[in-house]
PDB file of N, CA and C in Angstrom:
ATOM      1  N   MET A   1      94.247 113.470 107.626  1.00  0.00           N
ATOM      2  CA  MET A   1      94.097 112.925 108.953  1.00  0.00           C
ATOM      3  C   MET A   1      94.195 111.403 108.939  1.00  0.00           C
ATOM      4  N   MET A   2      93.720 110.783 107.886  1.00  0.00           N
ATOM      5  CA  MET A   2      93.722 109.321 107.846  1.00  0.00           C
ATOM      6  C   MET A   2      95.130 108.719 107.854  1.00  0.00           C
ATOM      7  N   PRO A   3      96.121 109.282 107.155  1.00  0.00           N
ATOM      8  CA  PRO A   3      97.470 108.711 107.277  1.00  0.00           C
ATOM      9  C   PRO A   3      98.013 108.765 108.705  1.00  0.00           C
ATOM     10  N   THR A   4      97.686 109.819 109.433  1.00  0.00           N
ATOM     11  CA  THR A   4      98.132 109.914 110.822  1.00  0.00           C
ATOM     12  C   THR A   4      97.472 108.837 111.668  1.00  0.00           C
ATOM     13  N   VAL A   5      96.199 108.575 111.435  1.00  0.00           N
ATOM     14  CA  VAL A   5      95.497 107.528 112.185  1.00  0.00           C
ATOM     15  C   VAL A   5      96.065 106.156 111.832  1.00  0.00           C
ATOM     16  N   TYR A   6      96.302 105.908 110.551  1.00  0.00           N
ATOM     17  CA  TYR A   6      96.865 104.617 110.147  1.00  0.00           C
ATOM     18  C   TYR A   6      98.272 104.413 110.713  1.00  0.00           C
ATOM     19  N   ASN A   7      99.087 105.462 110.722  1.00  0.00           N
ATOM     20  CA  ASN A   7     100.437 105.346 111.266  1.00  0.00           C
ATOM     21  C   ASN A   7     100.437 105.177 112.783  1.00  0.00           C
ATOM     22  N   SER A   8      99.395 105.635 113.448  1.00  0.00           N
ATOM     23  CA  SER A   8      99.349 105.517 114.900  1.00  0.00           C
ATOM     24  C   SER A   8      98.984 104.104 115.364  1.00  0.00           C
ATOM     25  N   MET A   9      98.460 103.268 114.486  1.00  0.00           N
ATOM     26  CA  MET A   9      98.107 101.904 114.877  1.00  0.00           C
ATOM     27  C   MET A   9      99.327 101.110 115.314  1.00  0.00           C
ATOM     28  N   LYS A  10     100.488 101.406 114.751  1.00  0.00           N
ATOM     29  CA  LYS A  10     101.729 100.738 115.155  1.00  0.00           C
ATOM     30  C   LYS A  10     102.048 101.027 116.621  1.00  0.00           C
ATOM     31  N   PHE A  11     101.828 102.281 117.033  1.00  0.00           N
ATOM     32  CA  PHE A  11     102.116 102.664 118.420  1.00  0.00           C
ATOM     33  C   PHE A  11     101.098 102.080 119.391  1.00  0.00           C
ATOM     34  N   VAL A  12      99.867 101.886 118.946  1.00  0.00           N
ATOM     35  CA  VAL A  12      98.852 101.270 119.796  1.00  0.00           C
ATOM     36  C   VAL A  12      99.205  99.805 120.036  1.00  0.00           C
ATOM     37  N   LYS A  13      99.653  99.116 118.982  1.00  0.00           N
ATOM     38  CA  LYS A  13     100.032  97.702 119.137  1.00  0.00           C
ATOM     39  C   LYS A  13     101.260  97.535 120.023  1.00  0.00           C
ATOM     40  N   ASP A  14     102.192  98.490 119.951  1.00  0.00           N
ATOM     41  CA  ASP A  14     103.428  98.421 120.741  1.00  0.00           C
ATOM     42  C   ASP A  14     103.265  98.991 122.141  1.00  0.00           C
ATOM     43  N   ASP A  15     102.095  99.516 122.488  1.00  0.00           N
ATOM     44  CA  ASP A  15     101.836 100.168 123.781  1.00  0.00           C
ATOM     45  C   ASP A  15     102.811 101.308 124.054  1.00  0.00           C
ATOM     46  N   ASN A  16     103.116 102.089 123.032  1.00  0.00           N
ATOM     47  CA  ASN A  16     103.988 103.252 123.164  1.00  0.00           C
ATOM     48  C   ASN A  16     103.095 104.465 123.435  1.00  0.00           C
ATOM     49  N   TYR A  17     102.872 104.754 124.729  1.00  0.00           N
ATOM     50  CA  TYR A  17     101.924 105.782 125.128  1.00  0.00           C
ATOM     51  C   TYR A  17     102.401 107.186 124.786  1.00  0.00           C
ATOM     52  N   ILE A  18     103.680 107.418 124.824  1.00  0.00           N
ATOM     53  CA  ILE A  18     104.194 108.751 124.507  1.00  0.00           C
ATOM     54  C   ILE A  18     103.915 109.101 123.056  1.00  0.00           C
ATOM     55  N   MET A  19     104.134 108.159 122.162  1.00  0.00           N
ATOM     56  CA  MET A  19     103.866 108.418 120.751  1.00  0.00           C
ATOM     57  C   MET A  19     102.361 108.481 120.463  1.00  0.00           C
ATOM     58  N   MET A  20     101.556 107.747 121.246  1.00  0.00           N
ATOM     59  CA  MET A  20     100.105 107.847 121.070  1.00  0.00           C
ATOM     60  C   MET A  20      99.622 109.243 121.458  1.00  0.00           C
ATOM     61  N   VAL A  21     100.159 109.793 122.538  1.00  0.00           N
ATOM     62  CA  VAL A  21      99.803 111.157 122.939  1.00  0.00           C
ATOM     63  C   VAL A  21     100.240 112.153 121.867  1.00  0.00           C
ATOM     64  N   GLU A  22     101.418 111.923 121.288  1.00  0.00           N
ATOM     65  CA  GLU A  22     101.901 112.799 120.219  1.00  0.00           C
ATOM     66  C   GLU A  22     100.965 112.761 119.017  1.00  0.00           C
ATOM     67  N   ARG A  23     100.448 111.596 118.672  1.00  0.00           N
ATOM     68  CA  ARG A  23      99.525 111.467 117.540  1.00  0.00           C
ATOM     69  C   ARG A  23      98.191 112.139 117.844  1.00  0.00           C
ATOM     70  N   VAL A  24      97.722 112.043 119.076  1.00  0.00           N
ATOM     71  CA  VAL A  24      96.478 112.710 119.458  1.00  0.00           C
ATOM     72  C   VAL A  24      96.651 114.226 119.358  1.00  0.00           C
ATOM     73  N   MET A  25      97.793 114.733 119.812  1.00  0.00           N
ATOM     74  CA  MET A  25      98.058 116.162 119.714  1.00  0.00           C
ATOM     75  C   MET A  25      98.178 116.598 118.257  1.00  0.00           C
ATOM     76  N   LYS A  26      98.734 115.731 117.413  1.00  0.00           N
ATOM     77  CA  LYS A  26      98.865 116.049 115.991  1.00  0.00           C
ATOM     78  C   LYS A  26      97.495 116.114 115.315  1.00  0.00           C
ATOM     79  N   LEU A  27      96.525 115.367 115.807  1.00  0.00           N
ATOM     80  CA  LEU A  27      95.174 115.367 115.243  1.00  0.00           C
ATOM     81  C   LEU A  27      94.276 116.450 115.837  1.00  0.00           C
ATOM     82  N   ALA A  28      94.740 117.153 116.858  1.00  0.00           N
ATOM     83  CA  ALA A  28      93.884 118.119 117.554  1.00  0.00           C
ATOM     84  C   ALA A  28      93.475 119.285 116.661  1.00  0.00           C
ATOM     85  N   ILE A  29      94.396 119.863 115.934  1.00  0.00           N
ATOM     86  CA  ILE A  29      94.077 121.049 115.129  1.00  0.00           C
ATOM     87  C   ILE A  29      93.147 120.704 113.967  1.00  0.00           C
ATOM     88  N   PRO A  30      93.383 119.639 113.190  1.00  0.00           N
ATOM     89  CA  PRO A  30      92.396 119.310 112.151  1.00  0.00           C
ATOM     90  C   PRO A  30      91.019 118.966 112.731  1.00  0.00           C
ATOM     91  N   ASN A  31      91.006 118.385 113.918  1.00  0.00           N
ATOM     92  CA  ASN A  31      89.741 118.056 114.559  1.00  0.00           C
ATOM     93  C   ASN A  31      88.965 119.327 114.931  1.00  0.00           C
ATOM     94  N   VAL A  32      89.661 120.326 115.440  1.00  0.00           N
ATOM     95  CA  VAL A  32      89.003 121.593 115.776  1.00  0.00           C
ATOM     96  C   VAL A  32      88.462 122.254 114.517  1.00  0.00           C
ATOM     97  N   TYR A  33      89.241 122.229 113.431  1.00  0.00           N
ATOM     98  CA  TYR A  33      88.749 122.783 112.168  1.00  0.00           C
ATOM     99  C   TYR A  33      87.502 122.039 111.695  1.00  0.00           C
ATOM    100  N   GLY A  34      87.491 120.747 111.868  1.00  0.00           N
ATOM    101  CA  GLY A  34      86.315 119.968 111.499  1.00  0.00           C
ATOM    102  C   GLY A  34      85.086 120.363 112.293  1.00  0.00           C
ATOM    103  N   TRP A  35      85.251 120.550 113.614  1.00  0.00           N
ATOM    104  CA  TRP A  35      84.126 120.954 114.455  1.00  0.00           C
ATOM    105  C   TRP A  35      83.610 122.333 114.069  1.00  0.00           C
ATOM    106  N   ILE A  36      84.519 123.254 113.784  1.00  0.00           N
ATOM    107  CA  ILE A  36      84.098 124.605 113.402  1.00  0.00           C
ATOM    108  C   ILE A  36      83.343 124.572 112.078  1.00  0.00           C
ATOM    109  N   LEU A  37      83.845 123.798 111.116  1.00  0.00           N
ATOM    110  CA  LEU A  37      83.153 123.688 109.831  1.00  0.00           C
ATOM    111  C   LEU A  37      81.794 123.023 109.983  1.00  0.00           C
ATOM    112  N   MET A  38      81.699 122.010 110.851  1.00  0.00           N
ATOM    113  CA  MET A  38      80.408 121.355 111.082  1.00  0.00           C
ATOM    114  C   MET A  38      79.427 122.325 111.749  1.00  0.00           C
ATOM    115  N   PHE A  39      79.919 123.113 112.702  1.00  0.00           N
ATOM    116  CA  PHE A  39      79.066 124.107 113.345  1.00  0.00           C
ATOM    117  C   PHE A  39      78.544 125.094 112.311  1.00  0.00           C
ATOM    118  N   TYR A  40      79.429 125.614 111.476  1.00  0.00           N
ATOM    119  CA  TYR A  40      79.023 126.586 110.470  1.00  0.00           C
ATOM    120  C   TYR A  40      78.031 125.970 109.480  1.00  0.00           C
ATOM    121  N   ALA A  41      78.337 124.761 109.017  1.00  0.00           N
ATOM    122  CA  ALA A  41      77.473 124.127 108.021  1.00  0.00           C
ATOM    123  C   ALA A  41      76.098 123.824 108.598  1.00  0.00           C
ATOM    124  N   PHE A  42      76.038 123.315 109.815  1.00  0.00           N
ATOM    125  CA  PHE A  42      74.746 122.922 110.385  1.00  0.00           C
ATOM    126  C   PHE A  42      73.978 124.121 110.925  1.00  0.00           C
ATOM    127  N   PHE A  43      74.560 124.837 111.883  1.00  0.00           N
ATOM    128  CA  PHE A  43      73.817 125.886 112.564  1.00  0.00           C
ATOM    129  C   PHE A  43      73.637 127.134 111.702  1.00  0.00           C
ATOM    130  N   HIS A  44      74.652 127.511 110.982  1.00  0.00           N
ATOM    131  CA  HIS A  44      74.539 128.751 110.236  1.00  0.00           C
ATOM    132  C   HIS A  44      73.881 128.532 108.875  1.00  0.00           C
ATOM    133  N   CYS A  45      74.382 127.601 108.110  1.00  0.00           N
ATOM    134  CA  CYS A  45      73.858 127.398 106.745  1.00  0.00           C
ATOM    135  C   CYS A  45      72.554 126.615 106.741  1.00  0.00           C
ATOM    136  N   TRP A  46      72.580 125.403 107.267  1.00  0.00           N
ATOM    137  CA  TRP A  46      71.413 124.521 107.160  1.00  0.00           C
ATOM    138  C   TRP A  46      70.215 125.038 107.959  1.00  0.00           C
ATOM    139  N   MET A  47      70.429 125.438 109.205  1.00  0.00           N
ATOM    140  CA  MET A  47      69.308 125.901 110.030  1.00  0.00           C
ATOM    141  C   MET A  47      68.723 127.199 109.489  1.00  0.00           C
ATOM    142  N   ASN A  48      69.553 128.101 109.016  1.00  0.00           N
ATOM    143  CA  ASN A  48      69.030 129.337 108.443  1.00  0.00           C
ATOM    144  C   ASN A  48      68.329 129.069 107.111  1.00  0.00           C
ATOM    145  N   PHE A  49      68.816 128.117 106.331  1.00  0.00           N
ATOM    146  CA  PHE A  49      68.136 127.730 105.098  1.00  0.00           C
ATOM    147  C   PHE A  49      66.743 127.173 105.395  1.00  0.00           C
ATOM    148  N   LEU A  50      66.659 126.290 106.372  1.00  0.00           N
ATOM    149  CA  LEU A  50      65.346 125.749 106.759  1.00  0.00           C
ATOM    150  C   LEU A  50      64.439 126.833 107.339  1.00  0.00           C
ATOM    151  N   ALA A  51      65.009 127.766 108.054  1.00  0.00           N
ATOM    152  CA  ALA A  51      64.207 128.861 108.607  1.00  0.00           C
ATOM    153  C   ALA A  51      63.632 129.723 107.494  1.00  0.00           C
ATOM    154  N   GLU A  52      64.403 129.939 106.452  1.00  0.00           N
ATOM    155  CA  GLU A  52      63.878 130.706 105.319  1.00  0.00           C
ATOM    156  C   GLU A  52      62.792 129.924 104.582  1.00  0.00           C
ATOM    157  N   LEU A  53      62.975 128.628 104.421  1.00  0.00           N
ATOM    158  CA  LEU A  53      61.962 127.824 103.728  1.00  0.00           C
ATOM    159  C   LEU A  53      60.644 127.775 104.488  1.00  0.00           C
ATOM    160  N   THR A  54      60.723 127.665 105.791  1.00  0.00           N
ATOM    161  CA  THR A  54      59.516 127.547 106.607  1.00  0.00           C
ATOM    162  C   THR A  54      59.015 128.898 107.115  1.00  0.00           C
ATOM    163  N   ARG A  55      59.621 129.962 106.668  1.00  0.00           N
ATOM    164  CA  ARG A  55      59.271 131.337 107.047  1.00  0.00           C
ATOM    165  C   ARG A  55      59.421 131.585 108.544  1.00  0.00           C
ATOM    166  N   PHE A  56      60.379 130.922 109.149  1.00  0.00           N
ATOM    167  CA  PHE A  56      60.757 131.200 110.533  1.00  0.00           C
ATOM    168  C   PHE A  56      62.081 131.935 110.557  1.00  0.00           C
ATOM    169  N   SER A  57      62.277 132.840 109.639  1.00  0.00           N
ATOM    170  CA  SER A  57      63.568 133.499 109.518  1.00  0.00           C
ATOM    171  C   SER A  57      63.852 134.453 110.677  1.00  0.00           C
ATOM    172  N   ASP A  58      62.850 134.750 111.484  1.00  0.00           N
ATOM    173  CA  ASP A  58      63.087 135.605 112.640  1.00  0.00           C
ATOM    174  C   ASP A  58      63.607 134.820 113.840  1.00  0.00           C
ATOM    175  N   ARG A  59      63.769 133.506 113.695  1.00  0.00           N
ATOM    176  CA  ARG A  59      64.269 132.679 114.790  1.00  0.00           C
ATOM    177  C   ARG A  59      65.765 132.902 114.984  1.00  0.00           C
ATOM    178  N   ASN A  60      66.190 132.705 116.197  1.00  0.00           N
ATOM    179  CA  ASN A  60      67.593 132.875 116.549  1.00  0.00           C
ATOM    180  C   ASN A  60      68.104 131.538 117.063  1.00  0.00           C
ATOM    181  N   PHE A  61      69.068 130.926 116.388  1.00  0.00           N
ATOM    182  CA  PHE A  61      69.557 129.604 116.755  1.00  0.00           C
ATOM    183  C   PHE A  61      70.756 129.648 117.702  1.00  0.00           C
ATOM    184  N   TYR A  62      71.509 130.723 117.670  1.00  0.00           N
ATOM    185  CA  TYR A  62      72.617 130.888 118.603  1.00  0.00           C
ATOM    186  C   TYR A  62      72.919 132.372 118.741  1.00  0.00           C
ATOM    187  N   LYS A  63      73.504 132.720 119.856  1.00  0.00           N
ATOM    188  CA  LYS A  63      73.925 134.105 120.094  1.00  0.00           C
ATOM    189  C   LYS A  63      75.437 134.184 119.961  1.00  0.00           C
ATOM    190  N   ASP A  64      76.019 135.253 120.399  1.00  0.00           N
ATOM    191  CA  ASP A  64      77.459 135.457 120.235  1.00  0.00           C
ATOM    192  C   ASP A  64      78.250 134.688 121.301  1.00  0.00           C
ATOM    193  N   TRP A  65      78.311 133.355 121.143  1.00  0.00           N
ATOM    194  CA  TRP A  65      79.003 132.496 122.109  1.00  0.00           C
ATOM    195  C   TRP A  65      80.505 132.733 122.100  1.00  0.00           C
ATOM    196  N   TRP A  66      81.042 133.257 121.023  1.00  0.00           N
ATOM    197  CA  TRP A  66      82.490 133.472 120.928  1.00  0.00           C
ATOM    198  C   TRP A  66      82.950 134.627 121.811  1.00  0.00           C
ATOM    199  N   ASN A  67      82.024 135.430 122.329  1.00  0.00           N
ATOM    200  CA  ASN A  67      82.373 136.522 123.242  1.00  0.00           C
ATOM    201  C   ASN A  67      82.191 136.141 124.704  1.00  0.00           C
ATOM    202  N   SER A  68      81.935 134.888 124.999  1.00  0.00           N
ATOM    203  CA  SER A  68      81.692 134.450 126.378  1.00  0.00           C
ATOM    204  C   SER A  68      82.964 134.503 127.198  1.00  0.00           C
ATOM    205  N   HIS A  69      82.829 135.034 128.408  1.00  0.00           N
ATOM    206  CA  HIS A  69      83.959 135.092 129.329  1.00  0.00           C
ATOM    207  C   HIS A  69      83.923 133.952 130.338  1.00  0.00           C
ATOM    208  N   TYR A  70      82.747 133.408 130.581  1.00  0.00           N
ATOM    209  CA  TYR A  70      82.592 132.349 131.565  1.00  0.00           C
ATOM    210  C   TYR A  70      81.862 131.170 130.938  1.00  0.00           C
ATOM    211  N   LEU A  71      82.046 129.997 131.517  1.00  0.00           N
ATOM    212  CA  LEU A  71      81.469 128.780 130.967  1.00  0.00           C
ATOM    213  C   LEU A  71      79.945 128.794 131.001  1.00  0.00           C
ATOM    214  N   ASP A  72      79.346 129.317 132.053  1.00  0.00           N
ATOM    215  CA  ASP A  72      77.888 129.348 132.113  1.00  0.00           C
ATOM    216  C   ASP A  72      77.306 130.285 131.058  1.00  0.00           C
ATOM    217  N   GLN A  73      77.994 131.366 130.772  1.00  0.00           N
ATOM    218  CA  GLN A  73      77.545 132.272 129.706  1.00  0.00           C
ATOM    219  C   GLN A  73      77.665 131.588 128.351  1.00  0.00           C
ATOM    220  N   TYR A  74      78.701 130.799 128.137  1.00  0.00           N
ATOM    221  CA  TYR A  74      78.880 130.055 126.891  1.00  0.00           C
ATOM    222  C   TYR A  74      77.733 129.067 126.686  1.00  0.00           C
ATOM    223  N   TRP A  75      77.385 128.312 127.722  1.00  0.00           N
ATOM    224  CA  TRP A  75      76.332 127.304 127.584  1.00  0.00           C
ATOM    225  C   TRP A  75      74.970 127.932 127.335  1.00  0.00           C
ATOM    226  N   ARG A  76      74.762 129.155 127.798  1.00  0.00           N
ATOM    227  CA  ARG A  76      73.480 129.823 127.549  1.00  0.00           C
ATOM    228  C   ARG A  76      73.392 130.429 126.154  1.00  0.00           C
ATOM    229  N   THR A  77      74.510 130.629 125.485  1.00  0.00           N
ATOM    230  CA  THR A  77      74.477 131.333 124.207  1.00  0.00           C
ATOM    231  C   THR A  77      74.840 130.493 122.992  1.00  0.00           C
ATOM    232  N   TRP A  78      75.441 129.332 123.139  1.00  0.00           N
ATOM    233  CA  TRP A  78      75.925 128.614 121.954  1.00  0.00           C
ATOM    234  C   TRP A  78      74.828 127.866 121.223  1.00  0.00           C
ATOM    235  N   ASN A  79      73.790 127.416 121.899  1.00  0.00           N
ATOM    236  CA  ASN A  79      72.720 126.682 121.232  1.00  0.00           C
ATOM    237  C   ASN A  79      71.420 127.019 121.937  1.00  0.00           C
ATOM    238  N   LEU A  80      70.559 127.734 121.244  1.00  0.00           N
ATOM    239  CA  LEU A  80      69.314 128.171 121.854  1.00  0.00           C
ATOM    240  C   LEU A  80      68.177 127.262 121.455  1.00  0.00           C
ATOM    241  N   VAL A  81      67.329 126.945 122.411  1.00  0.00           N
ATOM    242  CA  VAL A  81      66.144 126.148 122.143  1.00  0.00           C
ATOM    243  C   VAL A  81      64.999 127.119 121.910  1.00  0.00           C
ATOM    244  N   ASN A  82      64.387 127.009 120.750  1.00  0.00           N
ATOM    245  CA  ASN A  82      63.282 127.912 120.403  1.00  0.00           C
ATOM    246  C   ASN A  82      61.962 127.148 120.507  1.00  0.00           C
ATOM    247  N   PHE A  83      61.171 127.539 121.463  1.00  0.00           N
ATOM    248  CA  PHE A  83      59.850 126.937 121.609  1.00  0.00           C
ATOM    249  C   PHE A  83      58.835 127.787 120.871  1.00  0.00           C
ATOM    250  N   ILE A  84      57.830 127.134 120.357  1.00  0.00           N
ATOM    251  CA  ILE A  84      56.783 127.855 119.607  1.00  0.00           C
ATOM    252  C   ILE A  84      55.814 128.479 120.582  1.00  0.00           C
TER     253      ILE A  84
END
């Protein structure tokens, strides 16, 4: 991703908006992969690891947000707040 960002600086200096949009689109897929990996690492691995250490393993940090059909259903299921 870094070579694409470095190469895009030329287009920013030249005010070439079409090529800047092309560079943003080129970075979209690696960015999505990064977000998915961060979600998995934080919510699935790290939070479940801490839940096991603190014996809160019965806690639920997220539901099946990937099956959401509507935006309001997605917001209710992707990140749950667990109060004691």
